[in-house]
Amino acid sequence: LTIQEGCDKFCHFCVVPYTRGPEYSRPFKQIIDEAKNLVDNGAKEIILLGQNVNAYNFAKKNKLSTLIRTLSSIKNLKRIRFTTSHPKDMTDDLINCYKDCEKLMPFLHLPIQSGSNKILKLMNRKHDREYYLRIIEKLKKINANIKFSSDFIVGYPGETEKDFQDTVEIVKEVGFVNSYSFIFSP
C-alpha cells in the first residue's frame, strides 16, 4: 500500500528526488479506507511503501507512527510492515511502535549504505555510523526479537580499504539478516 512518494534527502548517488520529485504523503483517511478495503477482501498483511516511507507526515499531524497505530486497530489485519526507511526519519514515536504495536512485525529494512563516516558524508546521507547504531540499539532495547536488513554501496568514489573495513565491521556488529549490496564502481 503506497503511502508516500518522492524524497527530499538528495543523497549523491540517488536519482529519486529528480525522478519522483519531493516527498509527498498520501491523505491519511484515504490510506485507512484503502487498508480496510484490502482487509475486507482477504488481505492479512499490509506493507506500507514509500521511497522514504518513514518520512510520511500528512498535514503535519499524522506521522507513520500514527498510521501504524490506527492500522493496528483493524480487526482482521494480522501483520504490518513498512519499507524503505531513512535513518534520519527513525523518530522515537516510530521506534516505540516496535514496543507496543503487536501487529508491526519485528523487522526493519534500514539502509546505512556505508559503515564509514567519511563515505557517508561524501554520499550526503545526513547521518553517521554512531547515529545509525544508536537507532539499532534503541530498537533492540525495546524489542529483543527485532531483525534488520540494509543496503550497502561499495566502491564509492574515494573509498579506501579502511572505509570498506568500517562497512564490514558494521555488518558484523548489527548482524543483518539480509542486505542489498551494490558495486558503485570497480
Protein backbone atom coordinates (compact mmCIF):
# COMPACT_ATOMS: atom_id res chain seq x y z
CA LEU A 1 0.00 0.00 0.00
CA THR A 2 1.82 3.12 -1.20
CA ILE A 3 1.62 5.88 1.41
CA GLN A 4 4.46 8.19 0.43
CA GLU A 5 6.36 9.11 -2.71
CA GLY A 6 9.45 11.12 -3.50
CA CYS A 7 12.39 12.11 -1.34
CA ASP A 8 13.95 15.32 -0.06
CA LYS A 9 17.30 13.83 1.06
CA PHE A 10 19.36 14.23 -2.17
CA CYS A 11 21.89 11.50 -1.47
CA HIS A 12 24.61 11.99 -4.09
CA PHE A 13 24.21 8.51 -5.60
CA CYS A 14 20.41 8.62 -5.94
CA VAL A 15 18.06 9.83 -8.67
CA VAL A 16 14.80 9.56 -6.68
CA PRO A 17 14.47 13.29 -5.86
CA TYR A 18 14.87 14.05 -9.57
CA THR A 19 12.69 11.26 -10.97
CA ARG A 20 9.99 11.01 -8.28
CA GLY A 21 10.07 14.58 -7.00
CA PRO A 22 9.78 15.95 -3.47
CA GLU A 23 8.33 13.99 -0.57
CA TYR A 24 4.57 13.68 -0.75
CA SER A 25 2.36 11.90 1.80
CA ARG A 26 -0.99 10.50 0.69
CA PRO A 27 -4.07 11.56 2.70
CA PHE A 28 -4.38 9.68 5.99
CA LYS A 29 -8.07 8.77 5.69
CA GLN A 30 -7.59 7.58 2.12
CA ILE A 31 -4.90 5.13 3.28
CA ILE A 32 -7.01 3.85 6.19
CA ASP A 33 -10.01 3.35 3.90
CA GLU A 34 -7.86 1.54 1.34
CA ALA A 35 -6.35 -0.68 4.05
CA LYS A 36 -9.81 -1.57 5.38
CA ASN A 37 -10.92 -2.44 1.86
CA LEU A 38 -7.88 -4.68 1.39
CA VAL A 39 -8.58 -6.48 4.68
CA ASP A 40 -12.29 -6.79 3.86
CA ASN A 41 -11.20 -8.53 0.66
CA GLY A 42 -8.96 -11.03 2.44
CA ALA A 43 -5.59 -9.31 2.97
CA LYS A 44 -3.91 -10.41 6.21
CA GLU A 45 -0.77 -8.29 5.88
CA ILE A 46 -0.19 -4.74 4.73
CA ILE A 47 3.21 -3.46 3.70
CA LEU A 48 3.38 0.33 3.72
CA LEU A 49 5.52 1.55 0.84
CA GLY A 50 7.42 4.71 0.01
CA GLN A 51 10.76 5.84 -1.33
CA ASN A 52 11.29 7.27 2.14
CA VAL A 53 8.32 5.72 3.91
CA ASN A 54 9.16 6.87 7.41
CA ALA A 55 9.07 10.50 6.22
CA TYR A 56 5.28 10.03 5.96
CA ASN A 57 3.64 13.07 7.56
CA PHE A 58 0.21 14.01 6.26
CA ALA A 59 -1.00 17.51 7.17
CA LYS A 60 1.91 17.80 9.62
CA LYS A 61 -0.03 15.81 12.23
CA ASN A 62 -0.33 12.21 11.01
CA LYS A 63 3.07 10.53 11.00
CA LEU A 64 3.95 6.95 10.18
CA SER A 65 3.60 6.01 13.85
CA THR A 66 0.04 7.39 13.87
CA LEU A 67 -0.75 5.41 10.74
CA ILE A 68 0.66 2.16 12.18
CA ARG A 69 -1.28 2.60 15.43
CA THR A 70 -4.50 3.28 13.53
CA LEU A 71 -3.99 0.32 11.19
CA SER A 72 -3.34 -1.89 14.22
CA SER A 73 -6.97 -1.41 15.24
CA ILE A 74 -8.29 -3.05 12.04
CA LYS A 75 -9.79 -6.30 13.34
CA ASN A 76 -8.73 -8.91 10.76
CA LEU A 77 -5.39 -7.35 9.87
CA LYS A 78 -2.66 -9.65 11.21
CA ARG A 79 0.64 -8.05 10.17
CA ILE A 80 2.06 -4.62 9.29
CA ARG A 81 5.43 -3.89 7.69
CA PHE A 82 6.97 -0.83 6.02
CA THR A 83 9.81 -0.14 3.62
CA THR A 84 12.10 1.68 2.75
CA SER A 85 13.23 3.90 5.60
CA HIS A 86 15.90 6.54 6.09
CA PRO A 87 17.82 6.70 9.39
CA LYS A 88 17.11 10.44 9.79
CA ASP A 89 13.37 9.73 9.93
CA MET A 90 13.51 6.98 12.58
CA THR A 91 11.86 9.06 15.28
CA ASP A 92 11.26 7.89 18.84
CA ASP A 93 7.49 7.70 18.30
CA LEU A 94 8.10 5.33 15.37
CA ILE A 95 10.70 3.31 17.27
CA ASN A 96 8.21 2.90 20.13
CA CYS A 97 5.73 1.25 17.77
CA TYR A 98 8.06 -1.76 17.88
CA LYS A 99 7.40 -1.96 21.61
CA ASP A 100 3.63 -1.95 21.77
CA CYS A 101 2.15 -2.50 18.29
CA GLU A 102 1.81 -6.28 18.19
CA LYS A 103 0.83 -6.31 14.52
CA LEU A 104 4.02 -4.49 13.48
CA MET A 105 6.48 -7.21 12.50
CA PRO A 106 9.82 -7.14 14.35
CA PHE A 107 11.79 -6.44 11.18
CA LEU A 108 13.21 -3.22 9.76
CA HIS A 109 14.92 -2.51 6.46
CA LEU A 110 17.10 0.49 7.32
CA PRO A 111 19.72 1.34 4.68
CA ILE A 112 23.00 2.68 6.02
CA GLN A 113 24.86 2.45 2.64
CA SER A 114 28.34 2.52 4.24
CA GLY A 115 29.93 1.94 7.63
CA SER A 116 32.43 4.74 7.02
CA ASN A 117 31.63 8.24 8.27
CA LYS A 118 33.83 9.68 5.54
CA ILE A 119 31.88 7.86 2.82
CA LEU A 120 28.52 8.65 4.43
CA LYS A 121 29.45 12.34 4.29
CA LEU A 122 30.55 12.04 0.65
CA MET A 123 27.21 10.35 -0.08
CA ASN A 124 25.32 13.20 1.65
CA ARG A 125 23.49 10.66 3.83
CA LYS A 126 22.84 13.15 6.70
CA HIS A 127 23.72 10.58 9.38
CA ASP A 128 26.87 8.93 10.64
CA ARG A 129 27.55 5.39 11.82
CA GLU A 130 27.19 6.34 15.50
CA TYR A 131 23.72 7.83 14.89
CA TYR A 132 22.72 4.69 12.98
CA LEU A 133 23.99 2.37 15.71
CA ARG A 134 22.05 4.36 18.36
CA ILE A 135 18.85 3.68 16.41
CA ILE A 136 19.68 -0.05 16.23
CA GLU A 137 20.45 -0.07 19.98
CA LYS A 138 17.15 1.66 20.84
CA LEU A 139 15.19 -0.82 18.74
CA LYS A 140 16.95 -3.86 20.23
CA LYS A 141 16.37 -2.50 23.72
CA ILE A 142 12.60 -2.23 23.27
CA ASN A 143 12.16 -5.39 21.16
CA ALA A 144 14.72 -8.16 21.58
CA ASN A 145 13.22 -10.06 18.63
CA ILE A 146 13.78 -7.34 16.02
CA LYS A 147 15.89 -8.16 12.97
CA PHE A 148 17.43 -5.81 10.42
CA SER A 149 18.32 -5.62 6.76
CA SER A 150 20.15 -2.85 4.96
CA ASP A 151 21.55 -1.51 1.69
CA PHE A 152 25.26 -1.12 1.04
CA ILE A 153 27.27 0.55 -1.70
CA VAL A 154 30.92 -0.42 -2.09
CA GLY A 155 33.47 1.09 -4.42
CA TYR A 156 32.11 4.58 -3.82
CA PRO A 157 34.47 7.31 -5.12
CA GLY A 158 37.16 7.96 -2.52
CA GLU A 159 36.55 4.71 -0.61
CA THR A 160 39.70 3.23 0.88
CA GLU A 161 40.32 -0.24 2.26
CA LYS A 162 39.75 1.20 5.76
CA ASP A 163 36.38 2.65 4.70
CA PHE A 164 35.42 -0.76 3.32
CA GLN A 165 36.51 -2.46 6.56
CA ASP A 166 34.34 0.01 8.50
CA THR A 167 31.40 -1.29 6.46
CA VAL A 168 32.36 -4.92 7.12
CA GLU A 169 32.55 -4.08 10.86
CA ILE A 170 29.07 -2.61 10.96
CA VAL A 171 27.67 -5.64 9.10
CA LYS A 172 29.14 -7.89 11.79
CA GLU A 173 28.09 -5.61 14.67
CA VAL A 174 24.44 -5.31 13.65
CA GLY A 175 24.10 -8.86 12.33
CA PHE A 176 21.83 -8.05 9.38
CA VAL A 177 19.64 -10.94 8.26
CA ASN A 178 19.60 -9.64 4.69
CA SER A 179 21.29 -6.98 2.61
CA TYR A 180 21.19 -5.44 -0.80
CA SER A 181 24.74 -4.70 -1.83
CA PHE A 182 25.78 -2.72 -4.86
CA ILE A 183 29.13 -2.03 -6.50
CA PHE A 184 29.32 1.66 -7.38
CA SER A 185 32.50 1.27 -9.43
CA PRO A 186 35.30 -1.25 -9.91
